Amino acid sequence: MAKSSLKKEKWTLSFDPGLKALVVKEAGRRGVYPVNLLEEMVRKQFNPFGHTEIKDSLTYLRALRKRSREQSDETFLEEIRKWQEASSS
């Protein structure tokens, strides 16, 4: 299921020069544009579980199914309990 391309808006932001340099440097390390790095950081902040960031859903589902076959029921239930504790705190 491919995402439809969204129309992006242009924004002008006032940014601390030190932070701007840090973002530009990190974007260069990762080989992406600074705006892409900022978008990724905002997505992680507001969507900590990351399920909406999946670029290739078919590959993601295959990996989940493979991992779930290798995982015991007790391990799976323990993972759910940890997730519930994390979301409740």
PDB file of N, CA and C in Angstrom:
ATOM      1  N   MET A   1       0.851  -1.167   0.000  1.00  0.00           N
ATOM      2  CA  MET A   1       0.000   0.000   0.000  1.00  0.00           C
ATOM      3  C   MET A   1       0.903   1.240   0.000  1.00  0.00           C
ATOM      4  N   ALA A   2       1.030   1.875  -1.122  1.00  0.00           N
ATOM      5  CA  ALA A   2       1.894   3.045  -1.228  1.00  0.00           C
ATOM      6  C   ALA A   2       1.163   4.286  -0.737  1.00  0.00           C
ATOM      7  N   LYS A   3       1.925   5.159  -0.120  1.00  0.00           N
ATOM      8  CA  LYS A   3       1.334   6.411   0.336  1.00  0.00           C
ATOM      9  C   LYS A   3       1.219   7.358  -0.845  1.00  0.00           C
ATOM     10  N   SER A   4       0.148   8.097  -0.885  1.00  0.00           N
ATOM     11  CA  SER A   4       0.021   9.101  -1.927  1.00  0.00           C
ATOM     12  C   SER A   4       0.946  10.257  -1.588  1.00  0.00           C
ATOM     13  N   SER A   5       1.481  10.877  -2.622  1.00  0.00           N
ATOM     14  CA  SER A   5       2.397  11.980  -2.343  1.00  0.00           C
ATOM     15  C   SER A   5       1.600  13.173  -1.831  1.00  0.00           C
ATOM     16  N   LEU A   6       2.080  13.723  -0.765  1.00  0.00           N
ATOM     17  CA  LEU A   6       1.408  14.848  -0.139  1.00  0.00           C
ATOM     18  C   LEU A   6       1.990  16.143  -0.669  1.00  0.00           C
ATOM     19  N   LYS A   7       1.141  17.133  -0.793  1.00  0.00           N
ATOM     20  CA  LYS A   7       1.629  18.442  -1.188  1.00  0.00           C
ATOM     21  C   LYS A   7       2.281  19.075   0.031  1.00  0.00           C
ATOM     22  N   LYS A   8       3.539  19.465  -0.126  1.00  0.00           N
ATOM     23  CA  LYS A   8       4.265  20.043   0.996  1.00  0.00           C
ATOM     24  C   LYS A   8       4.140  21.551   0.967  1.00  0.00           C
ATOM     25  N   GLU A   9       4.063  22.123   2.152  1.00  0.00           N
ATOM     26  CA  GLU A   9       3.983  23.566   2.292  1.00  0.00           C
ATOM     27  C   GLU A   9       5.365  24.113   2.612  1.00  0.00           C
ATOM     28  N   LYS A  10       5.631  25.321   2.181  1.00  0.00           N
ATOM     29  CA  LYS A  10       6.881  25.976   2.529  1.00  0.00           C
ATOM     30  C   LYS A  10       6.660  26.790   3.783  1.00  0.00           C
ATOM     31  N   TRP A  11       7.568  26.648   4.736  1.00  0.00           N
ATOM     32  CA  TRP A  11       7.520  27.387   5.981  1.00  0.00           C
ATOM     33  C   TRP A  11       8.822  28.148   6.146  1.00  0.00           C
ATOM     34  N   THR A  12       8.734  29.231   6.842  1.00  0.00           N
ATOM     35  CA  THR A  12       9.934  29.958   7.238  1.00  0.00           C
ATOM     36  C   THR A  12      10.015  29.892   8.753  1.00  0.00           C
ATOM     37  N   LEU A  13      11.102  29.336   9.251  1.00  0.00           N
ATOM     38  CA  LEU A  13      11.259  29.161  10.682  1.00  0.00           C
ATOM     39  C   LEU A  13      12.455  29.949  11.178  1.00  0.00           C
ATOM     40  N   SER A  14      12.322  30.519  12.353  1.00  0.00           N
ATOM     41  CA  SER A  14      13.472  31.124  13.026  1.00  0.00           C
ATOM     42  C   SER A  14      14.113  30.014  13.842  1.00  0.00           C
ATOM     43  N   PHE A  15      15.402  29.840  13.686  1.00  0.00           N
ATOM     44  CA  PHE A  15      16.082  28.706  14.294  1.00  0.00           C
ATOM     45  C   PHE A  15      17.373  29.170  14.936  1.00  0.00           C
ATOM     46  N   ASP A  16      17.704  28.628  16.072  1.00  0.00           N
ATOM     47  CA  ASP A  16      18.956  28.936  16.750  1.00  0.00           C
ATOM     48  C   ASP A  16      20.125  28.521  15.843  1.00  0.00           C
ATOM     49  N   PRO A  17      21.097  29.401  15.608  1.00  0.00           N
ATOM     50  CA  PRO A  17      22.212  29.076  14.704  1.00  0.00           C
ATOM     51  C   PRO A  17      22.997  27.824  15.115  1.00  0.00           C
ATOM     52  N   GLY A  18      23.169  27.622  16.416  1.00  0.00           N
ATOM     53  CA  GLY A  18      23.878  26.420  16.873  1.00  0.00           C
ATOM     54  C   GLY A  18      23.126  25.149  16.551  1.00  0.00           C
ATOM     55  N   LEU A  19      21.802  25.182  16.763  1.00  0.00           N
ATOM     56  CA  LEU A  19      20.982  24.015  16.429  1.00  0.00           C
ATOM     57  C   LEU A  19      20.929  23.786  14.924  1.00  0.00           C
ATOM     58  N   LYS A  20      20.871  24.884  14.175  1.00  0.00           N
ATOM     59  CA  LYS A  20      20.840  24.757  12.720  1.00  0.00           C
ATOM     60  C   LYS A  20      22.112  24.073  12.227  1.00  0.00           C
ATOM     61  N   ALA A  21      23.250  24.480  12.752  1.00  0.00           N
ATOM     62  CA  ALA A  21      24.514  23.861  12.360  1.00  0.00           C
ATOM     63  C   ALA A  21      24.527  22.375  12.703  1.00  0.00           C
ATOM     64  N   LEU A  22      23.996  22.035  13.873  1.00  0.00           N
ATOM     65  CA  LEU A  22      23.928  20.644  14.291  1.00  0.00           C
ATOM     66  C   LEU A  22      23.038  19.821  13.355  1.00  0.00           C
ATOM     67  N   VAL A  23      21.885  20.369  12.995  1.00  0.00           N
ATOM     68  CA  VAL A  23      20.961  19.667  12.100  1.00  0.00           C
ATOM     69  C   VAL A  23      21.590  19.486  10.721  1.00  0.00           C
ATOM     70  N   VAL A  24      22.232  20.522  10.206  1.00  0.00           N
ATOM     71  CA  VAL A  24      22.868  20.444   8.888  1.00  0.00           C
ATOM     72  C   VAL A  24      23.989  19.408   8.904  1.00  0.00           C
ATOM     73  N   LYS A  25      24.774  19.393   9.975  1.00  0.00           N
ATOM     74  CA  LYS A  25      25.881  18.440  10.101  1.00  0.00           C
ATOM     75  C   LYS A  25      25.365  16.997  10.160  1.00  0.00           C
ATOM     76  N   GLU A  26      24.339  16.771  10.976  1.00  0.00           N
ATOM     77  CA  GLU A  26      23.776  15.422  11.103  1.00  0.00           C
ATOM     78  C   GLU A  26      23.119  14.972   9.802  1.00  0.00           C
ATOM     79  N   ALA A  27      22.448  15.882   9.129  1.00  0.00           N
ATOM     80  CA  ALA A  27      21.833  15.540   7.844  1.00  0.00           C
ATOM     81  C   ALA A  27      22.912  15.143   6.837  1.00  0.00           C
ATOM     82  N   GLY A  28      24.030  15.847   6.860  1.00  0.00           N
ATOM     83  CA  GLY A  28      25.142  15.494   5.980  1.00  0.00           C
ATOM     84  C   GLY A  28      25.695  14.113   6.284  1.00  0.00           C
ATOM     85  N   ARG A  29      25.790  13.773   7.569  1.00  0.00           N
ATOM     86  CA  ARG A  29      26.258  12.432   7.959  1.00  0.00           C
ATOM     87  C   ARG A  29      25.336  11.340   7.436  1.00  0.00           C
ATOM     88  N   ARG A  30      24.043  11.612   7.514  1.00  0.00           N
ATOM     89  CA  ARG A  30      23.056  10.610   7.086  1.00  0.00           C
ATOM     90  C   ARG A  30      22.815  10.624   5.583  1.00  0.00           C
ATOM     91  N   GLY A  31      23.285  11.668   4.922  1.00  0.00           N
ATOM     92  CA  GLY A  31      23.094  11.755   3.476  1.00  0.00           C
ATOM     93  C   GLY A  31      21.677  12.150   3.082  1.00  0.00           C
ATOM     94  N   VAL A  32      21.028  12.974   3.904  1.00  0.00           N
ATOM     95  CA  VAL A  32      19.684  13.452   3.602  1.00  0.00           C
ATOM     96  C   VAL A  32      19.668  14.969   3.688  1.00  0.00           C
ATOM     97  N   TYR A  33      18.619  15.559   3.185  1.00  0.00           N
ATOM     98  CA  TYR A  33      18.459  17.004   3.303  1.00  0.00           C
ATOM     99  C   TYR A  33      18.080  17.355   4.744  1.00  0.00           C
ATOM    100  N   PRO A  34      18.478  18.526   5.222  1.00  0.00           N
ATOM    101  CA  PRO A  34      18.118  18.926   6.592  1.00  0.00           C
ATOM    102  C   PRO A  34      16.616  18.912   6.858  1.00  0.00           C
ATOM    103  N   VAL A  35      15.824  19.301   5.878  1.00  0.00           N
ATOM    104  CA  VAL A  35      14.374  19.303   6.081  1.00  0.00           C
ATOM    105  C   VAL A  35      13.859  17.878   6.296  1.00  0.00           C
ATOM    106  N   ASN A  36      14.436  16.892   5.616  1.00  0.00           N
ATOM    107  CA  ASN A  36      14.019  15.503   5.807  1.00  0.00           C
ATOM    108  C   ASN A  36      14.360  15.034   7.217  1.00  0.00           C
ATOM    109  N   LEU A  37      15.517  15.459   7.711  1.00  0.00           N
ATOM    110  CA  LEU A  37      15.909  15.101   9.073  1.00  0.00           C
ATOM    111  C   LEU A  37      14.952  15.723  10.089  1.00  0.00           C
ATOM    112  N   LEU A  38      14.597  16.980   9.889  1.00  0.00           N
ATOM    113  CA  LEU A  38      13.646  17.635  10.798  1.00  0.00           C
ATOM    114  C   LEU A  38      12.284  16.948  10.759  1.00  0.00           C
ATOM    115  N   GLU A  39      11.814  16.575   9.563  1.00  0.00           N
ATOM    116  CA  GLU A  39      10.534  15.871   9.446  1.00  0.00           C
ATOM    117  C   GLU A  39      10.587  14.544  10.192  1.00  0.00           C
ATOM    118  N   GLU A  40      11.694  13.825  10.055  1.00  0.00           N
ATOM    119  CA  GLU A  40      11.850  12.547  10.736  1.00  0.00           C
ATOM    120  C   GLU A  40      11.834  12.732  12.254  1.00  0.00           C
ATOM    121  N   MET A  41      12.505  13.778  12.731  1.00  0.00           N
ATOM    122  CA  MET A  41      12.539  14.042  14.167  1.00  0.00           C
ATOM    123  C   MET A  41      11.152  14.383  14.704  1.00  0.00           C
ATOM    124  N   VAL A  42      10.393  15.163  13.966  1.00  0.00           N
ATOM    125  CA  VAL A  42       9.035  15.525  14.394  1.00  0.00           C
ATOM    126  C   VAL A  42       8.142  14.295  14.391  1.00  0.00           C
ATOM    127  N   ARG A  43       8.270  13.451  13.366  1.00  0.00           N
ATOM    128  CA  ARG A  43       7.466  12.222  13.325  1.00  0.00           C
ATOM    129  C   ARG A  43       7.769  11.332  14.528  1.00  0.00           C
ATOM    130  N   LYS A  44       9.042  11.192  14.866  1.00  0.00           N
ATOM    131  CA  LYS A  44       9.405  10.360  16.022  1.00  0.00           C
ATOM    132  C   LYS A  44       8.865  10.946  17.312  1.00  0.00           C
ATOM    133  N   GLN A  45       8.869  12.250  17.426  1.00  0.00           N
ATOM    134  CA  GLN A  45       8.378  12.900  18.645  1.00  0.00           C
ATOM    135  C   GLN A  45       6.879  12.694  18.833  1.00  0.00           C
ATOM    136  N   PHE A  46       6.125  12.829  17.753  1.00  0.00           N
ATOM    137  CA  PHE A  46       4.668  12.754  17.860  1.00  0.00           C
ATOM    138  C   PHE A  46       4.105  11.381  17.542  1.00  0.00           C
ATOM    139  N   ASN A  47       4.951  10.475  17.065  1.00  0.00           N
ATOM    140  CA  ASN A  47       4.511   9.126  16.757  1.00  0.00           C
ATOM    141  C   ASN A  47       5.584   8.158  17.234  1.00  0.00           C
ATOM    142  N   PRO A  48       5.716   7.958  18.536  1.00  0.00           N
ATOM    143  CA  PRO A  48       6.827   7.170  19.065  1.00  0.00           C
ATOM    144  C   PRO A  48       6.813   5.702  18.667  1.00  0.00           C
ATOM    145  N   PHE A  49       5.667   5.164  18.273  1.00  0.00           N
ATOM    146  CA  PHE A  49       5.624   3.754  17.904  1.00  0.00           C
ATOM    147  C   PHE A  49       5.994   3.527  16.449  1.00  0.00           C
ATOM    148  N   GLY A  50       5.972   4.558  15.624  1.00  0.00           N
ATOM    149  CA  GLY A  50       6.520   4.506  14.284  1.00  0.00           C
ATOM    150  C   GLY A  50       5.766   3.712  13.242  1.00  0.00           C
ATOM    151  N   HIS A  51       4.568   3.229  13.524  1.00  0.00           N
ATOM    152  CA  HIS A  51       3.900   2.390  12.538  1.00  0.00           C
ATOM    153  C   HIS A  51       3.441   3.157  11.300  1.00  0.00           C
ATOM    154  N   THR A  52       3.312   4.464  11.377  1.00  0.00           N
ATOM    155  CA  THR A  52       2.888   5.210  10.192  1.00  0.00           C
ATOM    156  C   THR A  52       4.057   5.616   9.313  1.00  0.00           C
ATOM    157  N   GLU A  53       5.280   5.335   9.758  1.00  0.00           N
ATOM    158  CA  GLU A  53       6.457   5.691   8.972  1.00  0.00           C
ATOM    159  C   GLU A  53       6.896   4.578   8.038  1.00  0.00           C
ATOM    160  N   ILE A  54       6.173   3.498   7.981  1.00  0.00           N
ATOM    161  CA  ILE A  54       6.559   2.344   7.188  1.00  0.00           C
ATOM    162  C   ILE A  54       6.480   2.697   5.711  1.00  0.00           C
ATOM    163  N   LYS A  55       7.617   2.523   5.029  1.00  0.00           N
ATOM    164  CA  LYS A  55       7.667   2.863   3.614  1.00  0.00           C
ATOM    165  C   LYS A  55       7.194   1.699   2.736  1.00  0.00           C
ATOM    166  N   ASP A  56       7.569   0.478   3.094  1.00  0.00           N
ATOM    167  CA  ASP A  56       7.168  -0.695   2.320  1.00  0.00           C
ATOM    168  C   ASP A  56       6.388  -1.631   3.243  1.00  0.00           C
ATOM    169  N   SER A  57       5.080  -1.550   3.194  1.00  0.00           N
ATOM    170  CA  SER A  57       4.247  -2.294   4.134  1.00  0.00           C
ATOM    171  C   SER A  57       4.362  -3.808   3.946  1.00  0.00           C
ATOM    172  N   LEU A  58       4.545  -4.270   2.718  1.00  0.00           N
ATOM    173  CA  LEU A  58       4.636  -5.704   2.461  1.00  0.00           C
ATOM    174  C   LEU A  58       5.878  -6.293   3.123  1.00  0.00           C
ATOM    175  N   THR A  59       7.006  -5.632   2.986  1.00  0.00           N
ATOM    176  CA  THR A  59       8.240  -6.092   3.616  1.00  0.00           C
ATOM    177  C   THR A  59       8.103  -6.059   5.131  1.00  0.00           C
ATOM    178  N   TYR A  60       7.474  -5.014   5.647  1.00  0.00           N
ATOM    179  CA  TYR A  60       7.278  -4.890   7.088  1.00  0.00           C
ATOM    180  C   TYR A  60       6.411  -6.033   7.626  1.00  0.00           C
ATOM    181  N   LEU A  61       5.325  -6.340   6.944  1.00  0.00           N
ATOM    182  CA  LEU A  61       4.448  -7.426   7.385  1.00  0.00           C
ATOM    183  C   LEU A  61       5.153  -8.771   7.327  1.00  0.00           C
ATOM    184  N   ARG A  62       5.937  -8.993   6.282  1.00  0.00           N
ATOM    185  CA  ARG A  62       6.678 -10.255   6.188  1.00  0.00           C
ATOM    186  C   ARG A  62       7.659 -10.397   7.346  1.00  0.00           C
ATOM    187  N   ALA A  63       8.337  -9.301   7.689  1.00  0.00           N
ATOM    188  CA  ALA A  63       9.283  -9.343   8.808  1.00  0.00           C
ATOM    189  C   ALA A  63       8.555  -9.601  10.120  1.00  0.00           C
ATOM    190  N   LEU A  64       7.384  -8.986  10.309  1.00  0.00           N
ATOM    191  CA  LEU A  64       6.600  -9.223  11.528  1.00  0.00           C
ATOM    192  C   LEU A  64       6.150 -10.676  11.626  1.00  0.00           C
ATOM    193  N   ARG A  65       5.675 -11.221  10.526  1.00  0.00           N
ATOM    194  CA  ARG A  65       5.207 -12.611  10.539  1.00  0.00           C
ATOM    195  C   ARG A  65       6.355 -13.570  10.826  1.00  0.00           C
ATOM    196  N   LYS A  66       7.508 -13.310  10.213  1.00  0.00           N
ATOM    197  CA  LYS A  66       8.669 -14.169  10.442  1.00  0.00           C
ATOM    198  C   LYS A  66       9.099 -14.100  11.896  1.00  0.00           C
ATOM    199  N   ARG A  67       9.132 -12.886  12.453  1.00  0.00           N
ATOM    200  CA  ARG A  67       9.535 -12.720  13.847  1.00  0.00           C
ATOM    201  C   ARG A  67       8.528 -13.378  14.789  1.00  0.00           C
ATOM    202  N   SER A  68       7.246 -13.286  14.465  1.00  0.00           N
ATOM    203  CA  SER A  68       6.238 -13.861  15.354  1.00  0.00           C
ATOM    204  C   SER A  68       6.295 -15.388  15.353  1.00  0.00           C
ATOM    205  N   ARG A  69       6.718 -16.004  14.254  1.00  0.00           N
ATOM    206  CA  ARG A  69       6.857 -17.457  14.222  1.00  0.00           C
ATOM    207  C   ARG A  69       8.008 -17.925  15.105  1.00  0.00           C
ATOM    208  N   GLU A  70       9.045 -17.068  15.218  1.00  0.00           N
ATOM    209  CA  GLU A  70      10.221 -17.434  16.005  1.00  0.00           C
ATOM    210  C   GLU A  70      10.033 -17.144  17.494  1.00  0.00           C
ATOM    211  N   GLN A  71       8.995 -16.435  17.854  1.00  0.00           N
ATOM    212  CA  GLN A  71       8.794 -15.972  19.227  1.00  0.00           C
ATOM    213  C   GLN A  71       7.781 -16.863  19.940  1.00  0.00           C
ATOM    214  N   SER A  72       8.090 -17.221  21.181  1.00  0.00           N
ATOM    215  CA  SER A  72       7.151 -18.045  21.947  1.00  0.00           C
ATOM    216  C   SER A  72       5.967 -17.183  22.411  1.00  0.00           C
ATOM    217  N   ASP A  73       4.900 -17.859  22.820  1.00  0.00           N
ATOM    218  CA  ASP A  73       3.714 -17.145  23.301  1.00  0.00           C
ATOM    219  C   ASP A  73       4.029 -16.336  24.555  1.00  0.00           C
ATOM    220  N   GLU A  74       4.821 -16.915  25.450  1.00  0.00           N
ATOM    221  CA  GLU A  74       5.169 -16.210  26.694  1.00  0.00           C
ATOM    222  C   GLU A  74       5.967 -14.944  26.399  1.00  0.00           C
ATOM    223  N   THR A  75       6.900 -15.017  25.482  1.00  0.00           N
ATOM    224  CA  THR A  75       7.702 -13.845  25.110  1.00  0.00           C
ATOM    225  C   THR A  75       6.810 -12.774  24.498  1.00  0.00           C
ATOM    226  N   PHE A  76       5.876 -13.207  23.665  1.00  0.00           N
ATOM    227  CA  PHE A  76       4.944 -12.279  23.031  1.00  0.00           C
ATOM    228  C   PHE A  76       4.081 -11.561  24.080  1.00  0.00           C
ATOM    229  N   LEU A  77       3.559 -12.319  25.034  1.00  0.00           N
ATOM    230  CA  LEU A  77       2.728 -11.731  26.086  1.00  0.00           C
ATOM    231  C   LEU A  77       3.541 -10.778  26.964  1.00  0.00           C
ATOM    232  N   GLU A  78       4.775 -11.128  27.244  1.00  0.00           N
ATOM    233  CA  GLU A  78       5.640 -10.250  28.034  1.00  0.00           C
ATOM    234  C   GLU A  78       5.897  -8.933  27.291  1.00  0.00           C
ATOM    235  N   GLU A  79       6.073  -9.010  25.992  1.00  0.00           N
ATOM    236  CA  GLU A  79       6.268  -7.800  25.176  1.00  0.00           C
ATOM    237  C   GLU A  79       5.029  -6.904  25.241  1.00  0.00           C
ATOM    238  N   ILE A  80       3.852  -7.499  25.187  1.00  0.00           N
ATOM    239  CA  ILE A  80       2.602  -6.734  25.283  1.00  0.00           C
ATOM    240  C   ILE A  80       2.489  -6.069  26.653  1.00  0.00           C
ATOM    241  N   ARG A  81       2.838  -6.797  27.715  1.00  0.00           N
ATOM    242  CA  ARG A  81       2.783  -6.212  29.062  1.00  0.00           C
ATOM    243  C   ARG A  81       3.717  -5.011  29.184  1.00  0.00           C
ATOM    244  N   LYS A  82       4.930  -5.138  28.645  1.00  0.00           N
ATOM    245  CA  LYS A  82       5.881  -4.017  28.678  1.00  0.00           C
ATOM    246  C   LYS A  82       5.329  -2.826  27.913  1.00  0.00           C
ATOM    247  N   TRP A  83       4.712  -3.081  26.750  1.00  0.00           N
ATOM    248  CA  TRP A  83       4.143  -2.015  25.934  1.00  0.00           C
ATOM    249  C   TRP A  83       3.009  -1.325  26.693  1.00  0.00           C
ATOM    250  N   GLN A  84       2.176  -2.110  27.379  1.00  0.00           N
ATOM    251  CA  GLN A  84       1.073  -1.517  28.145  1.00  0.00           C
ATOM    252  C   GLN A  84       1.587  -0.678  29.306  1.00  0.00           C
ATOM    253  N   GLU A  85       2.634  -1.147  29.977  1.00  0.00           N
ATOM    254  CA  GLU A  85       3.222  -0.385  31.080  1.00  0.00           C
ATOM    255  C   GLU A  85       3.821   0.923  30.574  1.00  0.00           C
ATOM    256  N   ALA A  86       4.478   0.860  29.426  1.00  0.00           N
ATOM    257  CA  ALA A  86       5.094   2.051  28.860  1.00  0.00           C
ATOM    258  C   ALA A  86       4.044   3.085  28.433  1.00  0.00           C
ATOM    259  N   SER A  87       2.938   2.609  27.878  1.00  0.00           N
ATOM    260  CA  SER A  87       1.901   3.544  27.428  1.00  0.00           C
ATOM    261  C   SER A  87       1.085   4.108  28.574  1.00  0.00           C
ATOM    262  N   SER A  88       1.033   3.398  29.706  1.00  0.00           N
ATOM    263  CA  SER A  88       0.248   3.893  30.839  1.00  0.00           C
ATOM    264  C   SER A  88       1.035   4.880  31.696  1.00  0.00           C
ATOM    265  N   SER A  89       2.345   4.881  31.587  1.00  0.00           N
ATOM    266  CA  SER A  89       3.138   5.799  32.427  1.00  0.00           C
ATOM    267  C   SER A  89       3.437   7.105  31.759  1.00  0.00           C
TER     268      SER A  89
END
